[in-house]
Protein backbone atom coordinates (compact mmCIF):
# COMPACT_ATOMS: atom_id res chain seq x y z
CA MET A 1 -85.86 -41.20 21.40
CA ALA A 2 -85.85 -44.98 21.44
CA THR A 3 -88.85 -47.15 22.27
CA ARG A 4 -88.24 -49.89 24.81
CA PHE A 5 -90.47 -52.95 25.18
CA TYR A 6 -90.57 -55.08 28.31
CA LEU A 7 -91.20 -58.82 28.03
CA PRO A 8 -93.60 -59.88 30.82
CA SER A 9 -94.08 -63.49 31.85
CA THR A 10 -97.85 -62.97 32.02
CA GLY A 11 -100.46 -61.03 30.07
CA ALA A 12 -102.28 -62.42 27.06
CA ALA A 13 -101.69 -60.77 23.69
CA ASP A 14 -104.70 -58.99 22.19
CA VAL A 15 -104.44 -61.00 18.96
CA SER A 16 -102.78 -64.24 17.87
CA PRO A 17 -100.68 -63.75 14.72
CA ASP A 18 -99.46 -66.86 12.96
CA TYR A 19 -95.93 -67.80 13.93
CA SER A 20 -93.32 -67.01 11.31
CA THR A 21 -92.88 -69.90 8.89
CA GLY A 22 -89.11 -70.19 9.40
CA TRP A 23 -89.45 -71.83 12.83
CA GLU A 24 -89.22 -75.64 12.73
CA LEU A 25 -90.83 -76.01 16.17
CA THR A 26 -93.54 -73.72 17.60
CA SER A 27 -95.70 -76.10 19.64
CA GLY A 28 -94.08 -75.13 22.95
CA ALA A 29 -94.14 -71.36 22.38
CA ALA A 30 -95.81 -68.89 24.72
CA ARG A 31 -97.69 -65.86 23.39
CA ARG A 32 -97.61 -62.68 25.47
CA LYS A 33 -98.16 -58.93 25.15
CA CYS A 34 -95.03 -56.78 25.19
CA VAL A 35 -95.44 -53.51 27.08
CA THR A 36 -93.68 -50.18 27.33
CA THR A 37 -94.67 -49.77 30.98
CA LYS A 38 -93.75 -52.59 33.37
CA ILE A 39 -96.59 -54.67 34.85
CA SER A 40 -94.44 -56.34 37.56
CA SER A 41 -94.87 -59.89 36.29
CA ALA A 42 -92.73 -62.50 38.06
CA MET A 43 -89.37 -63.46 36.63
CA THR A 44 -90.11 -66.87 35.07
CA ASP A 45 -88.16 -69.48 33.08
CA PHE A 46 -89.64 -70.49 29.73
CA GLY A 47 -88.04 -73.70 28.45
CA VAL A 48 -88.65 -75.56 25.19
CA ALA A 49 -86.92 -78.78 24.15
CA GLU A 50 -85.75 -79.23 20.58
CA THR A 51 -86.91 -82.47 18.99
CA SER A 52 -84.64 -82.95 15.99
CA GLY A 53 -81.09 -84.10 15.47
CA SER A 54 -80.90 -82.66 11.97
CA GLY A 55 -78.84 -79.59 12.86
CA ASP A 56 -79.68 -75.90 12.36
CA TYR A 57 -83.10 -76.42 13.92
CA ASP A 58 -85.03 -73.26 14.91
CA VAL A 59 -87.20 -73.39 18.05
CA LEU A 60 -89.61 -70.62 19.07
CA ILE A 61 -89.87 -69.95 22.81
CA ALA A 62 -92.07 -66.83 22.94
CA GLN A 63 -94.01 -64.51 20.66
CA TYR A 64 -94.59 -60.96 21.94
CA VAL A 65 -97.29 -58.76 20.38
CA SER A 66 -97.53 -55.00 20.89
CA ALA A 67 -100.55 -52.79 21.40
CA PRO A 68 -101.85 -50.99 18.25
CA ILE A 69 -99.50 -48.34 16.89
CA SER A 70 -100.94 -44.83 16.81
CA GLY A 71 -100.72 -43.27 13.34
CA ALA A 72 -99.04 -44.39 10.14
CA GLY A 73 -95.31 -44.27 9.52
CA THR A 74 -92.16 -46.25 8.81
CA LEU A 75 -90.36 -48.51 11.26
CA SER A 76 -86.64 -48.12 10.60
CA GLY A 77 -83.34 -47.63 12.38
CA THR A 78 -81.92 -50.25 14.73
CA PHE A 79 -82.99 -52.96 17.15
CA TYR A 80 -81.32 -54.26 20.29
CA GLY A 81 -82.15 -56.02 23.54
CA LEU A 82 -81.14 -58.21 26.47
CA VAL A 83 -82.63 -61.42 27.87
CA ARG A 84 -81.20 -64.17 30.08
CA ALA A 85 -80.80 -67.62 28.55
CA LEU A 86 -79.17 -71.05 28.93
CA GLU A 87 -78.99 -74.50 27.39
CA SER A 88 -79.52 -77.75 29.29
CA ASP A 89 -76.24 -79.28 28.07
CA ALA A 90 -73.20 -78.01 26.18
CA ALA A 91 -73.79 -80.72 23.57
CA GLY A 92 -77.01 -78.93 22.58
CA GLU A 93 -75.03 -76.12 20.94
CA LEU A 94 -77.93 -73.66 21.15
CA ALA A 95 -77.63 -70.05 19.98
CA SER A 96 -80.12 -67.20 19.88
CA GLN A 97 -82.65 -66.78 17.09
CA ILE A 98 -85.12 -63.92 16.60
CA THR A 99 -87.42 -62.37 14.04
CA ILE A 100 -89.55 -59.21 13.98
CA LYS A 101 -92.56 -58.44 11.82
CA VAL A 102 -95.21 -55.76 11.51
CA VAL A 103 -98.79 -57.04 11.25
CA SER A 104 -102.27 -55.61 10.82
CA ASN A 105 -104.41 -54.82 13.86
CA ASP A 106 -106.02 -58.27 13.78
CA GLY A 107 -102.66 -59.97 13.24
CA ALA A 108 -103.78 -61.62 10.02
CA THR A 109 -101.76 -59.59 7.50
CA VAL A 110 -97.97 -59.22 7.57
CA ARG A 111 -96.92 -55.73 6.43
CA GLY A 112 -93.23 -56.60 6.41
CA THR A 113 -90.32 -58.16 8.28
CA PRO A 114 -87.84 -55.67 9.81
CA LEU A 115 -85.60 -58.52 11.01
CA ALA A 116 -85.69 -62.00 9.46
CA LEU A 117 -84.57 -65.23 11.08
CA ASP A 118 -80.84 -65.79 10.79
CA ALA A 119 -80.20 -68.42 8.12
CA GLY A 120 -76.50 -68.58 8.95
CA GLY A 121 -74.37 -69.69 11.84
CA GLY A 122 -76.11 -67.71 14.56
CA GLY A 123 -74.48 -66.11 17.58
CA ASP A 124 -72.63 -67.21 20.68
CA GLU A 125 -73.59 -70.56 22.15
CA TRP A 126 -75.77 -70.30 25.24
CA PRO A 127 -74.19 -71.20 28.58
CA ILE A 128 -74.94 -74.03 30.99
CA THR A 129 -73.58 -72.12 34.00
CA THR A 130 -74.76 -69.03 35.92
CA ALA A 131 -72.48 -66.59 34.08
CA LEU A 132 -73.95 -64.40 31.34
CA SER A 133 -74.18 -65.40 27.69
CA LYS A 134 -74.43 -63.11 24.71
CA TRP A 135 -77.29 -62.84 22.26
CA GLN A 136 -76.28 -60.21 19.76
CA PRO A 137 -77.88 -58.80 16.62
CA ARG A 138 -77.34 -60.63 13.36
CA ALA A 139 -74.70 -59.06 11.11
CA ALA A 140 -73.33 -56.96 13.97
CA TRP A 141 -70.45 -57.35 16.37
CA LEU A 142 -70.96 -57.56 20.09
CA ASP A 143 -72.55 -54.60 21.92
CA ASN A 144 -73.88 -53.05 18.70
CA PRO A 145 -77.56 -52.71 17.74
CA VAL A 146 -78.49 -54.22 14.39
CA ALA A 147 -79.96 -52.25 11.48
CA ILE A 148 -83.48 -53.35 10.57
CA THR A 149 -85.21 -53.34 7.19
CA SER A 150 -87.61 -50.40 6.86
CA VAL A 151 -91.29 -51.37 6.95
CA ASP A 152 -94.25 -49.04 6.47
CA TYR A 153 -97.01 -49.43 9.05
CA GLN A 154 -100.61 -48.25 9.15
CA ASP A 155 -102.59 -46.79 12.02
CA GLY A 156 -103.52 -49.64 14.36
CA ASP A 157 -100.84 -52.08 13.17
CA ARG A 158 -98.83 -54.09 15.69
CA ILE A 159 -95.22 -55.17 16.15
CA VAL A 160 -94.51 -58.87 16.69
CA ILE A 161 -91.24 -60.06 18.23
CA GLU A 162 -90.51 -63.80 18.16
CA ILE A 163 -87.70 -65.06 20.35
CA GLY A 164 -86.11 -68.51 20.46
CA TYR A 165 -82.97 -70.41 19.54
CA ARG A 166 -81.20 -72.35 16.80
CA ALA A 167 -79.89 -75.82 17.68
CA HIS A 168 -76.59 -76.65 15.98
CA ASN A 169 -76.35 -80.32 16.95
CA TRP A 170 -76.97 -83.57 15.06
CA SER A 171 -77.70 -85.60 18.19
CA ALA A 172 -80.83 -87.69 18.71
CA THR A 173 -80.84 -86.44 22.31
CA SER A 174 -83.34 -83.66 23.00
CA TYR A 175 -81.81 -80.56 24.59
CA THR A 176 -83.73 -77.70 26.19
CA GLY A 177 -83.23 -73.99 25.66
CA THR A 178 -84.50 -71.68 28.39
CA GLU A 179 -85.09 -67.94 28.47
CA ARG A 180 -86.16 -65.90 31.47
CA PHE A 181 -88.98 -63.42 31.05
CA GLY A 182 -90.70 -61.02 33.44
CA ASP A 183 -90.52 -57.39 34.56
CA ALA A 184 -90.66 -57.48 38.36
CA SER A 185 -87.19 -56.04 38.99
CA ALA A 186 -86.56 -52.39 39.80
CA SER A 187 -83.74 -52.44 37.24
CA ASP A 188 -83.30 -53.55 33.63
CA LEU A 189 -80.48 -55.72 32.29
CA THR A 190 -77.63 -53.49 31.20
CA ASP A 191 -75.08 -55.74 29.46
CA GLU A 192 -74.13 -59.34 28.78
CA ASP A 193 -71.74 -59.44 31.74
CA GLN A 194 -74.45 -58.82 34.31
CA SER A 195 -75.49 -61.60 36.72
CA ALA A 196 -78.41 -59.79 38.42
CA ASP A 197 -81.92 -61.11 37.79
CA ASN A 198 -83.09 -57.90 36.14
CA ASN A 199 -85.74 -57.21 33.52
CA PRO A 200 -85.25 -58.41 29.94
CA TRP A 201 -86.13 -55.90 27.24
CA CYS A 202 -85.84 -55.04 23.58
CA GLU A 203 -85.62 -51.64 21.97
CA PHE A 204 -86.12 -49.88 18.65
CA SER A 205 -84.19 -46.69 17.96
CA ALA A 206 -87.39 -45.16 16.53
CA THR A 207 -89.95 -43.38 18.71
CA LEU A 208 -93.28 -45.20 18.52
CA SER A 209 -96.69 -44.18 19.89
CA PHE A 210 -99.48 -46.56 20.81
CA GLN A 211 -103.21 -46.15 20.91
CA ALA A 212 -104.89 -45.42 24.23
CA GLY A 213 -107.12 -48.02 25.81
CA GLY A 214 -104.45 -50.68 26.25
CA GLN A 215 -101.46 -51.00 28.55
CA GLU A 216 -99.05 -49.25 26.21
CA PHE A 217 -98.36 -45.63 25.39
CA THR A 218 -95.39 -43.75 23.95
CA ARG A 219 -92.20 -44.33 25.95
CA ALA A 220 -88.98 -42.50 25.22
CA VAL A 221 -86.05 -44.34 26.74
CA ASN A 222 -83.73 -41.82 28.31
CA ASP A 223 -83.23 -43.21 31.82
CA THR A 224 -81.84 -45.24 33.80
CA GLY A 225 -95.28 -71.80 29.69
CA SER A 226 -93.09 -74.36 30.75
CA THR A 227 -90.24 -74.30 33.20
CA SER A 228 -86.89 -76.02 32.93
CA GLU A 229 -83.67 -74.61 34.40
CA SER A 230 -83.86 -72.58 37.61
CA THR A 231 -80.98 -70.21 36.82
CA VAL A 232 -80.29 -68.52 33.48
CA ARG A 233 -77.71 -66.13 32.10
CA GLY A 234 -78.17 -62.77 30.42
CA ALA A 235 -78.13 -62.66 26.64
CA THR A 236 -78.40 -59.93 24.05
CA LEU A 237 -81.21 -60.11 21.54
CA GLY A 238 -80.01 -60.91 18.06
CA ARG A 239 -77.07 -62.74 16.60
CA LYS A 240 -73.33 -62.29 16.26
CA VAL A 241 -71.52 -62.89 12.98
CA GLY A 242 -69.69 -66.21 13.24
CA TRP A 243 -71.23 -68.70 15.66
CA GLN A 244 -68.94 -70.04 18.32
């Protein structure tokens, strides 16, 4: 069964892995612990302004770090998720960007990168209205999970998920991308056409177990900062082939 992570707005990560080197801007990023059991953190907007007009500029909004994995194995299969997002102005031309890596228990050693940053056109442009946008997996069409590169992990290793956006403008004006994190809703986001303020999440098709003593344990899915904009739209984690 799949393993679903929630993306709380609060809760410090146990360790502080270096941000992936592909991000051009990380100074405004939040670092949190992702959990498999909700902690009822408030739904909160995390906004970061891009500072370059050079085009194809990658901005990190949040890094999520898991509890230690229990046992050794291989992370493989697919990845998918939903989060709400918007851009401050249509001229910003912001689209989703994401990377995943597996690190050692202390966060200092990278075992591998199941999903690298998208070096291409990215996915659908984020909205500036209250309707839902789409944030889909790279190299996959809408509504499909994306295949990840297999990475071997050791007992006690952690999964790191870094979420942000790619700016596709050449303007000297600084535009802000905002994503909404938290897990206080009774329901999770279900698709990119949903307007309800439900929980963002991300999910691996593999079943993962986590060491006791933290907030996370094995969860099989078989059931149902800074602040900028006050309303954001749902988005799927990842990228769509052919930015538009």
